Amino acid sequence: MKTLHLIVITTVSIGFALVWHFANFYDFEPSTTDDPFGINATVSYVHNLKISCIRQPCGPLNAFGLSYTSQKPVQLISYNICGGIYCIKQGNFASYGRGGTPDSPVWGGGTTLGEIPWKVGDIVDIRLKVQPVTIKENGDIVPEPEKTMFIDLGQSKITERID
């Protein structure tokens, strides 16, 4: 009987630990598929990624990266990318960039994702937490945190890119 109790307690403990582990990585914060900013995001395996290096010359770096563009100015606050049973999330950072033309503005940015078990061709789900920003006449960027949204961009196929 002691063995049965021990097995039940161990099984419940392992089950709880697994649920906690996946819940910790898969952000269950409510998200929406409504995208008023016109955001597009992709995960790519990038060859010769251009990064800042302390020492020059900087050798080629091959890494997975998240790239995004937006038709309206936004600031990327966090991301949550899941594929299969593996998820990566990064929060509490701010990334934004400028691009496009005055007639067709496109905002964009990106970040490297670190060690991930996926490969080119795998399907991942991408969710981004963004907040709109206002650009003042002097070029200052003013975030609008009260309008922060967690947007589910759906499935995306990991691509390969050479910079």
Protein backbone atom coordinates (compact mmCIF):
# COMPACT_ATOMS: atom_id res chain seq x y z
CA MET A 1 0.00 0.00 0.00
CA LYS A 2 2.90 2.37 0.77
CA THR A 3 4.29 1.67 -2.69
CA LEU A 4 0.96 2.59 -4.30
CA HIS A 5 0.80 5.85 -2.33
CA LEU A 6 4.37 6.65 -3.32
CA ILE A 7 3.60 5.96 -6.99
CA VAL A 8 0.47 8.15 -6.89
CA ILE A 9 2.27 11.01 -5.14
CA THR A 10 5.21 10.79 -7.55
CA THR A 11 2.92 10.71 -10.60
CA VAL A 12 0.87 13.68 -9.38
CA SER A 13 4.06 15.62 -8.57
CA ILE A 14 5.56 14.96 -11.99
CA GLY A 15 2.26 15.86 -13.67
CA PHE A 16 2.05 19.12 -11.72
CA ALA A 17 5.68 19.94 -12.54
CA LEU A 18 5.05 19.37 -16.28
CA VAL A 19 1.91 21.51 -16.27
CA TRP A 20 3.75 24.28 -14.40
CA HIS A 21 6.70 24.05 -16.80
CA PHE A 22 4.54 24.38 -19.94
CA ALA A 23 2.29 27.03 -18.38
CA ASN A 24 5.37 29.03 -17.51
CA PHE A 25 6.56 29.02 -21.13
CA TYR A 26 3.22 29.25 -22.89
CA ASP A 27 1.80 32.62 -21.97
CA PHE A 28 -1.93 32.18 -21.39
CA GLU A 29 -2.52 35.92 -21.40
CA PRO A 30 -5.57 36.70 -23.52
CA SER A 31 -4.61 37.51 -27.09
CA THR A 32 -6.49 38.63 -30.14
CA THR A 33 -6.19 37.90 -33.85
CA ASP A 34 -7.33 41.48 -34.52
CA ASP A 35 -4.26 43.35 -35.79
CA PRO A 36 -4.95 47.09 -36.20
CA PHE A 37 -1.23 47.79 -36.79
CA GLY A 38 -0.70 45.59 -39.87
CA ILE A 39 2.02 43.48 -38.25
CA ASN A 40 3.86 40.73 -40.09
CA ALA A 41 6.38 38.52 -38.25
CA THR A 42 8.59 35.64 -39.32
CA VAL A 43 11.12 33.32 -37.76
CA SER A 44 14.14 32.71 -39.96
CA TYR A 45 17.43 30.90 -39.79
CA VAL A 46 19.70 33.78 -40.76
CA HIS A 47 23.15 33.26 -42.29
CA ASN A 48 25.76 35.97 -41.72
CA LEU A 49 23.59 37.82 -39.24
CA LYS A 50 24.89 41.35 -38.78
CA ILE A 51 25.36 42.10 -35.09
CA SER A 52 27.42 44.46 -33.00
CA CYS A 53 30.68 42.94 -31.87
CA ILE A 54 33.08 44.10 -29.19
CA ARG A 55 36.05 43.01 -31.29
CA GLN A 56 36.36 43.45 -35.03
CA PRO A 57 36.31 41.81 -37.46
CA CYS A 58 33.08 40.16 -36.51
CA GLY A 59 32.79 36.66 -37.91
CA PRO A 60 29.64 35.36 -39.54
CA LEU A 61 26.90 34.40 -37.13
CA ASN A 62 24.20 31.93 -38.06
CA ALA A 63 21.20 32.07 -35.75
CA PHE A 64 17.43 31.94 -35.57
CA GLY A 65 15.87 35.36 -35.52
CA LEU A 66 12.46 36.97 -35.21
CA SER A 67 11.81 39.77 -37.69
CA TYR A 68 8.71 41.92 -37.74
CA THR A 69 7.25 44.80 -39.70
CA SER A 70 4.27 46.99 -39.00
CA GLN A 71 2.35 49.47 -41.09
CA LYS A 72 1.91 51.70 -38.03
CA PRO A 73 4.55 52.66 -35.47
CA VAL A 74 4.67 50.13 -32.64
CA GLN A 75 7.07 49.04 -29.97
CA LEU A 76 7.60 45.29 -29.48
CA ILE A 77 7.31 44.54 -25.76
CA SER A 78 7.50 40.72 -25.78
CA TYR A 79 7.07 37.66 -27.92
CA ASN A 80 5.83 34.13 -27.41
CA ILE A 81 6.67 31.60 -30.14
CA CYS A 82 5.56 27.97 -29.88
CA GLY A 83 6.18 24.98 -32.10
CA GLY A 84 5.18 21.49 -31.03
CA ILE A 85 5.60 21.25 -27.28
CA TYR A 86 8.44 23.80 -27.15
CA CYS A 87 7.86 27.52 -26.56
CA ILE A 88 10.15 30.46 -26.19
CA LYS A 89 9.13 33.77 -24.76
CA GLN A 90 10.92 36.96 -24.04
CA GLY A 91 9.42 39.86 -22.22
CA ASN A 92 10.20 43.20 -20.72
CA PHE A 93 12.21 44.61 -23.57
CA ALA A 94 11.51 47.29 -26.10
CA SER A 95 12.32 46.95 -29.77
CA TYR A 96 11.31 49.21 -32.59
CA GLY A 97 12.77 50.49 -35.79
CA ARG A 98 11.93 52.72 -38.69
CA GLY A 99 11.80 51.97 -42.36
CA GLY A 100 9.73 52.37 -45.49
CA THR A 101 9.00 55.68 -47.14
CA PRO A 102 6.89 58.68 -46.04
CA ASP A 103 4.12 57.49 -48.39
CA SER A 104 4.36 53.86 -47.27
CA PRO A 105 5.73 53.73 -43.74
CA VAL A 106 6.88 50.38 -42.46
CA TRP A 107 8.21 49.87 -38.98
CA GLY A 108 10.31 46.88 -38.23
CA GLY A 109 12.85 45.29 -36.03
CA GLY A 110 14.13 41.98 -34.90
CA THR A 111 15.96 39.98 -32.32
CA THR A 112 17.88 36.71 -32.16
CA LEU A 113 16.07 33.86 -30.46
CA GLY A 114 18.92 31.85 -28.97
CA GLU A 115 19.04 28.07 -28.83
CA ILE A 116 15.85 26.51 -30.16
CA PRO A 117 15.10 22.94 -31.29
CA TRP A 118 13.34 23.89 -34.53
CA LYS A 119 14.64 23.70 -38.06
CA VAL A 120 13.92 25.43 -41.36
CA GLY A 121 10.47 24.37 -42.59
CA ASP A 122 8.96 23.81 -39.13
CA ILE A 123 5.66 25.54 -38.31
CA VAL A 124 5.49 27.85 -35.29
CA ASP A 125 2.79 30.03 -33.76
CA ILE A 126 3.83 33.65 -33.20
CA ARG A 127 2.26 35.98 -30.66
CA LEU A 128 3.58 39.49 -30.01
CA LYS A 129 2.83 42.00 -27.30
CA VAL A 130 3.04 45.48 -28.82
CA GLN A 131 2.11 49.00 -27.92
CA PRO A 132 1.53 51.82 -30.39
CA VAL A 133 3.84 54.81 -30.30
CA THR A 134 3.39 58.40 -31.35
CA ILE A 135 6.16 60.23 -33.16
CA LYS A 136 6.45 63.89 -32.24
CA GLU A 137 7.54 66.54 -34.73
CA ASN A 138 11.01 66.64 -33.14
CA GLY A 139 11.38 62.88 -33.70
CA ASP A 140 10.79 61.82 -30.10
CA ILE A 141 8.93 58.55 -29.73
CA VAL A 142 6.19 58.44 -27.10
CA PRO A 143 4.86 54.97 -26.14
CA GLU A 144 1.15 54.50 -25.45
CA PRO A 145 1.17 51.71 -22.80
CA GLU A 146 -2.57 51.99 -22.15
CA LYS A 147 -3.15 50.65 -25.70
CA THR A 148 -0.89 47.58 -25.36
CA MET A 149 -2.16 44.50 -27.22
CA PHE A 150 -1.18 40.83 -27.26
CA ILE A 151 -1.69 39.82 -30.89
CA ASP A 152 -1.83 36.23 -32.13
CA LEU A 153 -0.37 36.27 -35.65
CA GLY A 154 -1.06 32.58 -36.16
CA GLN A 155 1.12 29.97 -37.81
CA SER A 156 4.29 30.73 -39.71
CA LYS A 157 6.80 28.50 -41.48
CA ILE A 158 10.46 28.97 -40.46
CA THR A 159 12.41 30.19 -43.46
CA GLU A 160 16.09 30.49 -44.32
CA ARG A 161 17.66 33.87 -45.08
CA ILE A 162 21.12 35.07 -46.11
CA ASP A 163 21.98 38.63 -45.11
